[in-house]
């Protein structure tokens, strides 16, 4: 039997001003702003002086994405990911993060919210479709990139998390445009590419093109049939 959740207004999770944000984009922007604003002045100036502010800003945006996912999917696992990313990249713990973890504890106590299997499915989808985005950046067709992502997912999961290439291809446009799924990851990829020198960028793109040509072809059984 599920017990009642402890009281905690959902509006508080929207940001430092306790005002609910109406869209995922606004939520992510609010969380990111709160994290960056909590960085001590000396640390912020050091990041600016050493050219490390952009990576820190990207990390803050990814933490913000995880927090927004937690609120949207009611998933304690995404609250965990937010905290892990924040600690790994040495960002400050904020009010929104504290509240998210209190609410995540409530969900676990009540055995409520997103199931772990649903969370893991999102993780695998993100990784596979980000692979598609990376190969698309190198000029590989969406069909071929989707096939390579299907082959990779089948191999890495030993058949337990297999999806057909046609499923990847159909899901990719929506994933790219979804602020709670691919939009932040693709922005991160774009930022990383922009930071590279022209020669470095050309080498990386060429490496990804060669990778697409040299990897084993996707088995026919994993290709599927695209149905819109």
Protein backbone atom coordinates (compact mmCIF):
# COMPACT_ATOMS: atom_id res chain seq x y z
CA UNK A 1 0.00 0.00 0.00
CA UNK A 2 1.39 3.40 -0.95
CA UNK A 3 1.70 5.97 1.79
CA UNK A 4 1.12 9.71 1.36
CA UNK A 5 3.93 11.85 0.02
CA UNK A 6 5.36 14.40 2.41
CA UNK A 7 4.25 17.92 1.65
CA UNK A 8 6.56 19.92 -0.61
CA UNK A 9 5.16 22.52 -3.04
CA UNK A 10 6.13 21.70 -6.60
CA UNK A 11 6.46 25.41 -7.37
CA UNK A 12 9.57 25.60 -5.19
CA UNK A 13 11.43 23.32 -7.59
CA UNK A 14 11.00 25.88 -10.34
CA UNK A 15 13.87 27.99 -9.10
CA UNK A 16 15.28 30.36 -6.52
CA UNK A 17 12.36 32.82 -6.67
CA UNK A 18 9.76 30.10 -5.94
CA UNK A 19 7.93 30.92 -9.16
CA UNK A 20 6.89 27.99 -11.34
CA UNK A 21 8.31 28.03 -14.85
CA UNK A 22 5.74 27.29 -17.54
CA UNK A 23 7.91 25.45 -20.08
CA UNK A 24 10.80 22.97 -19.89
CA UNK A 25 13.07 25.55 -21.56
CA UNK A 26 12.24 28.09 -18.86
CA UNK A 27 12.75 25.53 -16.12
CA UNK A 28 16.16 24.54 -17.47
CA UNK A 29 17.18 28.20 -17.86
CA UNK A 30 16.05 28.97 -14.29
CA UNK A 31 17.91 26.03 -12.76
CA UNK A 32 21.05 26.86 -14.75
CA UNK A 33 20.91 30.51 -13.67
CA UNK A 34 20.57 29.47 -10.02
CA UNK A 35 23.60 27.15 -10.22
CA UNK A 36 25.84 29.72 -11.91
CA UNK A 37 24.71 32.44 -9.49
CA UNK A 38 25.71 30.24 -6.55
CA UNK A 39 29.35 29.95 -7.69
CA UNK A 40 31.52 32.05 -5.34
CA UNK A 41 32.88 35.22 -6.93
CA UNK A 42 36.52 34.12 -6.64
CA UNK A 43 35.75 30.78 -8.28
CA UNK A 44 33.70 32.46 -11.03
CA UNK A 45 36.54 34.87 -11.81
CA UNK A 46 39.02 31.98 -11.89
CA UNK A 47 36.82 30.11 -14.39
CA UNK A 48 36.61 33.22 -16.54
CA UNK A 49 40.36 33.85 -16.43
CA UNK A 50 41.25 30.26 -17.32
CA UNK A 51 38.69 29.90 -20.11
CA UNK A 52 36.78 27.27 -18.13
CA UNK A 53 33.53 29.19 -17.73
CA UNK A 54 31.91 27.81 -20.89
CA UNK A 55 32.43 24.14 -19.86
CA UNK A 56 31.11 25.01 -16.37
CA UNK A 57 28.08 26.68 -17.95
CA UNK A 58 27.45 23.60 -20.11
CA UNK A 59 27.71 21.36 -17.04
CA UNK A 60 25.26 23.60 -15.19
CA UNK A 61 22.84 23.30 -18.11
CA UNK A 62 23.07 19.50 -18.03
CA UNK A 63 22.40 19.49 -14.27
CA UNK A 64 19.45 21.79 -14.97
CA UNK A 65 18.21 19.35 -17.63
CA UNK A 66 18.32 16.50 -15.11
CA UNK A 67 16.39 18.57 -12.58
CA UNK A 68 13.75 19.43 -15.17
CA UNK A 69 13.51 15.76 -16.12
CA UNK A 70 13.05 14.86 -12.47
CA UNK A 71 10.16 17.28 -12.15
CA UNK A 72 8.56 16.18 -15.42
CA UNK A 73 8.95 12.41 -15.12
CA UNK A 74 8.78 12.23 -11.30
CA UNK A 75 12.00 10.22 -11.48
CA UNK A 76 14.27 9.99 -8.42
CA UNK A 77 16.94 8.58 -10.76
CA UNK A 78 17.24 11.89 -12.61
CA UNK A 79 17.62 13.70 -9.28
CA UNK A 80 20.50 11.31 -8.57
CA UNK A 81 22.07 12.11 -11.94
CA UNK A 82 21.80 15.85 -11.25
CA UNK A 83 23.66 15.50 -7.95
CA UNK A 84 26.31 13.20 -9.41
CA UNK A 85 26.99 15.58 -12.32
CA UNK A 86 27.10 18.56 -9.98
CA UNK A 87 29.66 16.94 -7.64
CA UNK A 88 31.77 15.60 -10.52
CA UNK A 89 32.06 19.05 -12.11
CA UNK A 90 32.51 20.90 -8.81
CA UNK A 91 29.37 23.00 -9.02
CA UNK A 92 27.56 24.34 -5.93
CA UNK A 93 24.56 22.61 -4.37
CA UNK A 94 21.55 24.90 -4.72
CA UNK A 95 18.12 25.18 -3.14
CA UNK A 96 16.48 23.50 -6.13
CA UNK A 97 18.83 20.51 -5.82
CA UNK A 98 18.13 20.14 -2.09
CA UNK A 99 14.39 20.23 -2.68
CA UNK A 100 14.63 17.78 -5.57
CA UNK A 101 16.38 15.25 -3.37
CA UNK A 102 13.86 15.68 -0.58
CA UNK A 103 11.08 15.03 -3.09
CA UNK A 104 13.02 12.10 -4.58
CA UNK A 105 13.21 10.56 -1.11
CA UNK A 106 9.44 10.99 -0.77
CA UNK A 107 8.89 9.18 -4.07
CA UNK A 108 11.13 6.29 -3.01
CA UNK A 109 9.45 5.96 0.39
CA UNK A 110 6.03 5.88 -1.30
CA UNK A 111 7.30 3.57 -4.08
CA UNK A 112 5.93 6.11 -6.54
CA UNK A 113 7.13 7.96 -9.63
CA UNK A 114 9.09 6.71 -12.62
CA UNK A 115 10.30 3.13 -12.42
CA UNK A 116 13.98 2.34 -12.76
CA UNK A 117 13.32 0.39 -15.97
CA UNK A 118 11.74 3.50 -17.53
CA UNK A 119 14.70 5.61 -16.48
CA UNK A 120 17.20 3.12 -17.94
CA UNK A 121 15.26 3.02 -21.19
CA UNK A 122 15.59 6.82 -21.45
CA UNK A 123 19.33 6.57 -20.78
CA UNK A 124 19.85 4.03 -23.56
CA UNK A 125 17.69 6.02 -25.97
CA UNK A 126 19.66 9.18 -25.21
CA UNK A 127 22.99 7.47 -25.78
CA UNK A 128 21.90 5.84 -29.03
CA UNK A 129 20.31 8.98 -30.45
CA UNK A 130 23.26 11.12 -29.36
CA UNK A 131 25.41 8.73 -31.40
CA UNK A 132 23.13 9.50 -34.34
CA UNK A 133 23.59 13.25 -33.70
CA UNK A 134 27.37 12.88 -33.58
CA UNK A 135 27.47 11.01 -36.87
CA UNK A 136 25.02 13.45 -38.47
CA UNK A 137 27.42 16.27 -37.51
CA UNK A 138 30.03 14.47 -39.60
CA UNK A 139 27.70 14.30 -42.60
CA UNK A 140 26.59 10.69 -42.23
CA UNK A 141 23.01 10.15 -43.43
CA UNK A 142 20.34 9.77 -40.75
CA UNK A 143 19.53 6.30 -42.11
CA UNK A 144 23.11 5.05 -41.83
CA UNK A 145 23.63 6.75 -38.47
CA UNK A 146 20.43 5.16 -37.15
CA UNK A 147 21.64 1.75 -38.32
CA UNK A 148 24.98 2.17 -36.58
CA UNK A 149 23.21 3.25 -33.40
CA UNK A 150 20.99 0.16 -33.58
CA UNK A 151 24.01 -2.08 -34.07
CA UNK A 152 25.83 -0.42 -31.17
CA UNK A 153 22.84 -0.73 -28.84
CA UNK A 154 22.34 -4.38 -29.72
CA UNK A 155 26.01 -5.18 -29.07
CA UNK A 156 26.49 -3.11 -25.91
CA UNK A 157 23.34 -4.54 -24.34
CA UNK A 158 23.94 -8.10 -25.54
CA UNK A 159 20.49 -8.09 -27.13
CA UNK A 160 18.67 -6.99 -23.97
CA UNK A 161 18.05 -3.38 -25.09
CA UNK A 162 17.81 -3.86 -28.85
CA UNK A 163 15.74 -1.54 -31.03
CA UNK A 164 15.58 -1.50 -34.80
CA UNK A 165 17.29 1.19 -36.87
CA UNK A 166 13.93 2.33 -38.25
CA UNK A 167 12.83 3.09 -34.68
CA UNK A 168 15.91 5.27 -34.15
CA UNK A 169 15.35 7.06 -37.44
CA UNK A 170 11.71 7.78 -36.65
CA UNK A 171 12.48 8.94 -33.09
CA UNK A 172 15.47 11.11 -33.93
CA UNK A 173 13.74 14.33 -35.17
CA UNK A 174 11.48 14.46 -32.11
CA UNK A 175 14.38 13.69 -29.78
CA UNK A 176 16.50 16.50 -31.24
CA UNK A 177 13.69 19.03 -30.75
CA UNK A 178 12.65 17.87 -27.26
CA UNK A 179 14.05 20.20 -24.55
CA UNK A 180 13.85 17.36 -22.03
CA UNK A 181 15.67 14.90 -24.28
CA UNK A 182 18.05 15.79 -27.10
CA UNK A 183 18.05 19.56 -27.29
CA UNK A 184 20.58 20.09 -24.50
CA UNK A 185 22.81 17.24 -25.71
CA UNK A 186 22.89 18.61 -29.24
CA UNK A 187 23.66 22.08 -27.91
CA UNK A 188 26.53 20.57 -25.92
CA UNK A 189 27.84 18.86 -29.06
CA UNK A 190 27.61 22.13 -31.00
CA UNK A 191 29.51 24.00 -28.27
CA UNK A 192 32.23 21.38 -28.20
CA UNK A 193 32.62 21.58 -31.98
CA UNK A 194 32.78 25.39 -31.87
CA UNK A 195 35.63 25.29 -29.35
CA UNK A 196 37.81 23.24 -31.71
CA UNK A 197 40.29 24.84 -34.07
CA UNK A 198 39.43 24.46 -37.75
CA UNK A 199 42.01 21.70 -38.26
CA UNK A 200 40.84 19.82 -35.13
CA UNK A 201 37.23 20.04 -36.23
CA UNK A 202 38.09 18.76 -39.72
CA UNK A 203 40.04 15.85 -38.23
CA UNK A 204 37.16 14.91 -35.92
CA UNK A 205 34.58 15.06 -38.69
CA UNK A 206 36.79 12.96 -40.96
CA UNK A 207 37.31 10.44 -38.17
CA UNK A 208 33.56 10.07 -37.73
CA UNK A 209 33.06 9.65 -41.49
CA UNK A 210 35.73 6.95 -41.56
CA UNK A 211 34.17 5.35 -38.52
CA UNK A 212 30.81 5.08 -40.29
CA UNK A 213 32.47 3.44 -43.31
CA UNK A 214 34.73 1.08 -41.35
CA UNK A 215 32.29 -0.21 -38.74
CA UNK A 216 30.58 -3.52 -39.51
CA UNK A 217 27.30 -3.00 -41.34
CA UNK A 218 24.06 -3.15 -39.41
CA UNK A 219 22.59 -6.67 -39.65
CA UNK A 220 19.55 -6.86 -41.88
CA UNK A 221 17.44 -8.05 -38.96
CA UNK A 222 18.13 -4.82 -37.06
CA UNK A 223 17.18 -2.48 -39.89
CA UNK A 224 13.38 -2.68 -39.69
CA UNK A 225 10.93 -0.83 -41.87
CA UNK A 226 10.30 2.89 -41.40
CA UNK A 227 6.63 3.63 -40.83
CA UNK A 228 5.53 7.24 -40.31
